[in-house]
Amino acid sequence: MGLPNYVVKPFDIAPSWPRLRAADYGFASPSCVLWGAVDWDGNLIIYRELYGKQYTGESLARVVLQMERNDRPPSTSVLDASCWNKTGHGMSIAETMMRNGVRWTPSDRNRLAGKMEIHRRLADNPLTKLPRIRIFNTCNNTIRQLAGIPLSKSNSEDVDTKAEDHAYDALRYLVMTRMSGHASIHKSLQHIKEQTYQPMNSTFGY
C-alpha cells in the first residue's frame, strides 16, 4: 500500500512563506516539536519533526535552537498550554524554555475543534484535488500517528488520549493557530501576493 497523498518528498521551503512551530511536551513520554510553513495557496507544509524522550525544558530548548540555526525565525510558536502549570516554586516548563531562548504562546485547548481542522485539511481541496496539508516523508512519527491513532472509546468525536498521540497533538496545536492557513490568513497571503507587483501598464506588463 502506498503512502497517503498528503505525504510528499522534501522540497525547498520558500523564504517568503511564514514559518510556524508547535510542540507537545513530555519527559517520560515523548516530546514532539513540528515545524511548518504556509505556502501562497494557504497549504500547511510540515517540513521537520523532533521526537524523543527525557528532554528537560532546558535541553529541549537547546535542541530546538540548534535545529533552527539556519532557519528564518517562526512567526508563530505554540506549546501545549499545560506547560505553563507549576508544580512548586520553580519555573514552569514554558518559562524554562523561554529563559533559554525559545519563545512560545499557549496552544488552543479545544481538542474537538482541532481534530475537525485536521480532518478538513486532510480532505482533498475541490479545486486542486489535493489535501490542504503536506507532510514531508521524513516526519515519520507524525505520519504514523495520523494513520493509526484510534478513536476514544468514550467519545467517538475525539481520539484515544491514552494512545501515543504526541505528534498528533503537536499537529493539532499547529493547525489551530491563526497563521496556519485558516481562511483569514489565506486572504491575507493572497492580498500580499497580489500586491507584490502591480504593473503600471497593464497592456505591456511593466
Protein backbone atom coordinates (compact mmCIF):
# COMPACT_ATOMS: atom_id res chain seq x y z
CA MET A 1 0.00 0.00 0.00
CA GLY A 2 1.37 3.41 -0.95
CA LEU A 3 1.66 6.44 1.28
CA PRO A 4 -1.28 8.88 1.60
CA ASN A 5 -1.29 11.77 -0.86
CA TYR A 6 -0.56 14.27 1.90
CA VAL A 7 2.89 12.67 2.35
CA VAL A 8 5.43 14.26 0.00
CA LYS A 9 9.14 14.21 -0.69
CA PRO A 10 11.06 17.11 0.88
CA PHE A 11 11.42 20.25 -1.19
CA ASP A 12 12.81 23.73 -0.60
CA ILE A 13 10.64 25.96 1.58
CA ALA A 14 10.34 29.41 0.01
CA PRO A 15 11.97 32.12 2.19
CA SER A 16 8.82 34.26 1.93
CA TRP A 17 6.47 31.61 3.38
CA PRO A 18 5.52 32.21 7.04
CA ARG A 19 7.11 29.68 9.40
CA LEU A 20 5.40 28.07 12.40
CA ARG A 21 6.44 25.83 15.25
CA ALA A 22 4.33 23.74 17.66
CA ALA A 23 5.24 21.36 20.45
CA ASP A 24 3.72 18.78 22.76
CA TYR A 25 5.97 18.28 25.77
CA GLY A 26 6.78 15.13 27.69
CA PHE A 27 9.67 13.79 29.74
CA ALA A 28 8.93 10.12 30.49
CA SER A 29 6.72 10.16 27.40
CA PRO A 30 8.00 11.68 24.15
CA SER A 31 8.16 15.35 23.32
CA CYS A 32 7.27 16.30 19.76
CA VAL A 33 8.14 19.55 18.01
CA LEU A 34 6.83 20.20 14.49
CA TRP A 35 7.92 22.92 12.10
CA GLY A 36 5.58 24.12 9.37
CA ALA A 37 5.25 26.75 6.66
CA VAL A 38 2.25 28.22 4.85
CA ASP A 39 2.52 28.49 1.07
CA TRP A 40 0.87 31.18 -1.09
CA ASP A 41 -2.20 28.97 -1.59
CA GLY A 42 -2.79 28.55 2.15
CA ASN A 43 -1.50 24.97 2.31
CA LEU A 44 0.30 23.94 5.50
CA ILE A 45 3.64 22.22 4.88
CA ILE A 46 5.07 20.17 7.77
CA TYR A 47 8.75 20.00 6.94
CA ARG A 48 10.54 18.95 10.15
CA GLU A 49 9.90 16.82 13.21
CA LEU A 50 11.72 16.38 16.53
CA TYR A 51 10.61 13.39 18.58
CA GLY A 52 12.22 11.98 21.72
CA LYS A 53 12.05 11.29 25.44
CA GLN A 54 13.73 12.68 28.55
CA TYR A 55 14.15 16.27 27.41
CA THR A 56 14.12 18.82 30.18
CA GLY A 57 12.81 22.26 29.26
CA GLU A 58 16.40 23.48 29.05
CA SER A 59 17.70 20.64 26.89
CA LEU A 60 14.70 20.76 24.55
CA ALA A 61 15.24 24.50 24.05
CA ARG A 62 18.88 23.85 23.13
CA VAL A 63 17.95 21.23 20.54
CA VAL A 64 15.21 23.42 19.02
CA LEU A 65 17.63 26.33 18.62
CA GLN A 66 20.23 24.04 17.09
CA MET A 67 17.74 22.66 14.57
CA GLU A 68 16.63 26.20 13.67
CA ARG A 69 20.13 27.63 13.30
CA ASN A 70 19.74 28.11 9.53
CA ASP A 71 16.03 28.94 9.54
CA ARG A 72 14.04 32.10 9.27
CA PRO A 73 12.54 32.60 12.78
CA PRO A 74 8.99 31.26 13.15
CA SER A 75 6.19 33.84 13.01
CA THR A 76 4.10 31.74 15.39
CA SER A 77 5.20 29.29 18.07
CA VAL A 78 2.74 27.34 20.23
CA LEU A 79 3.32 24.93 23.10
CA ASP A 80 0.94 22.66 25.00
CA ALA A 81 -0.91 25.05 27.34
CA SER A 82 -0.35 22.72 30.31
CA CYS A 83 3.38 23.58 30.17
CA TRP A 84 2.56 26.85 31.98
CA ASN A 85 1.40 24.87 35.03
CA LYS A 86 3.70 24.97 38.05
CA THR A 87 4.22 22.07 40.45
CA GLY A 88 6.27 24.00 43.00
CA HIS A 89 8.07 27.31 43.44
CA GLY A 90 10.28 26.89 40.39
CA MET A 91 9.68 27.89 36.79
CA SER A 92 7.24 26.06 34.56
CA ILE A 93 8.44 24.14 31.51
CA ALA A 94 7.31 27.00 29.29
CA GLU A 95 9.16 29.60 31.37
CA THR A 96 12.30 27.46 31.41
CA MET A 97 12.31 27.17 27.63
CA MET A 98 11.71 30.87 27.16
CA ARG A 99 14.54 31.70 29.56
CA ASN A 100 16.71 29.59 27.27
CA GLY A 101 15.81 31.46 24.11
CA VAL A 102 12.77 29.61 22.70
CA ARG A 103 9.61 31.68 22.95
CA TRP A 104 6.11 30.16 23.00
CA THR A 105 2.45 31.04 23.33
CA PRO A 106 -0.09 28.62 24.86
CA SER A 107 -1.82 26.20 22.49
CA ASP A 108 -5.54 26.16 21.79
CA ARG A 109 -7.27 23.80 24.27
CA ASN A 110 -10.23 22.85 22.08
CA ARG A 111 -9.46 19.23 21.20
CA LEU A 112 -12.56 18.60 19.09
CA ALA A 113 -12.16 21.75 17.00
CA GLY A 114 -8.53 20.81 16.43
CA LYS A 115 -9.50 17.30 15.32
CA MET A 116 -12.05 18.68 12.87
CA GLU A 117 -9.48 21.12 11.46
CA ILE A 118 -7.05 18.24 10.86
CA HIS A 119 -9.83 16.34 9.04
CA ARG A 120 -10.62 19.41 6.95
CA ARG A 121 -7.01 19.76 5.88
CA LEU A 122 -6.56 16.08 5.07
CA ALA A 123 -9.61 16.14 2.79
CA ASP A 124 -8.94 16.98 -0.85
CA ASN A 125 -9.47 20.58 -1.86
CA PRO A 126 -12.26 20.55 -4.51
CA LEU A 127 -10.26 22.98 -6.66
CA THR A 128 -6.87 21.26 -6.61
CA LYS A 129 -7.94 17.66 -5.78
CA LEU A 130 -5.12 17.68 -3.21
CA PRO A 131 -5.16 17.94 0.59
CA ARG A 132 -4.54 21.30 2.27
CA ILE A 133 -1.71 19.84 4.31
CA ARG A 134 1.54 18.27 3.06
CA ILE A 135 3.87 16.36 5.35
CA PHE A 136 7.46 15.60 4.40
CA ASN A 137 8.13 11.86 4.35
CA THR A 138 10.94 12.44 6.87
CA CYS A 139 8.35 13.19 9.61
CA ASN A 140 7.89 9.51 10.43
CA ASN A 141 6.12 9.78 13.78
CA THR A 142 3.59 12.32 12.55
CA ILE A 143 2.73 10.17 9.53
CA ARG A 144 2.48 7.02 11.66
CA GLN A 145 0.23 8.58 14.29
CA LEU A 146 -2.09 10.24 11.80
CA ALA A 147 -2.59 6.90 10.06
CA GLY A 148 -3.05 4.78 13.17
CA ILE A 149 -4.33 6.76 16.15
CA PRO A 150 -7.54 5.13 17.47
CA LEU A 151 -10.76 6.88 18.41
CA SER A 152 -11.72 7.29 22.05
CA LYS A 153 -14.00 4.52 23.34
CA SER A 154 -15.89 7.02 25.49
CA ASN A 155 -16.12 9.85 22.94
CA SER A 156 -16.18 8.96 19.25
CA GLU A 157 -15.61 12.63 18.37
CA ASP A 158 -12.10 12.53 19.87
CA VAL A 159 -9.03 10.33 19.61
CA ASP A 160 -7.86 8.00 22.38
CA THR A 161 -5.73 10.21 24.62
CA LYS A 162 -4.11 7.12 26.15
CA ALA A 163 -2.66 6.14 22.78
CA GLU A 164 0.63 7.55 21.51
CA ASP A 165 -0.58 10.95 20.36
CA HIS A 166 2.28 13.42 20.87
CA ALA A 167 2.91 14.17 17.19
CA TYR A 168 -0.86 14.25 16.59
CA ASP A 169 -1.28 16.79 19.41
CA ALA A 170 1.57 18.96 18.13
CA LEU A 171 -0.07 18.96 14.70
CA ARG A 172 -3.43 19.83 16.28
CA TYR A 173 -1.87 22.81 18.04
CA LEU A 174 -0.28 23.90 14.77
CA VAL A 175 -3.43 23.80 12.64
CA MET A 176 -5.34 25.84 15.22
CA THR A 177 -3.01 28.84 15.08
CA ARG A 178 -4.06 31.98 13.24
CA MET A 179 -1.02 31.68 10.96
CA SER A 180 -1.61 28.07 9.95
CA GLY A 181 -3.60 28.74 6.79
CA HIS A 182 -7.14 29.41 8.05
CA ALA A 183 -9.33 31.37 5.66
CA SER A 184 -8.26 34.65 7.30
CA ILE A 185 -4.55 34.12 6.74
CA HIS A 186 -5.20 32.75 3.26
CA LYS A 187 -6.92 36.02 2.36
CA SER A 188 -4.02 37.99 3.85
CA LEU A 189 -1.44 35.95 1.94
CA GLN A 190 -3.42 36.29 -1.27
CA HIS A 191 -3.58 40.05 -0.77
CA ILE A 192 0.20 40.20 -0.25
CA LYS A 193 0.73 38.03 -3.33
CA GLU A 194 -1.47 40.28 -5.45
CA GLN A 195 0.21 43.40 -4.14
CA THR A 196 3.75 42.12 -4.65
CA TYR A 197 3.93 43.55 -8.17
CA GLN A 198 1.41 45.74 -9.94
CA PRO A 199 2.46 46.80 -13.48
CA MET A 200 1.97 50.47 -14.33
CA ASN A 201 0.98 49.50 -17.86
CA SER A 202 -1.48 46.62 -17.97
CA THR A 203 -1.00 46.09 -21.72
CA PHE A 204 2.75 45.64 -21.72
CA GLY A 205 3.09 44.33 -18.18
CA TYR A 206 5.61 46.78 -16.70
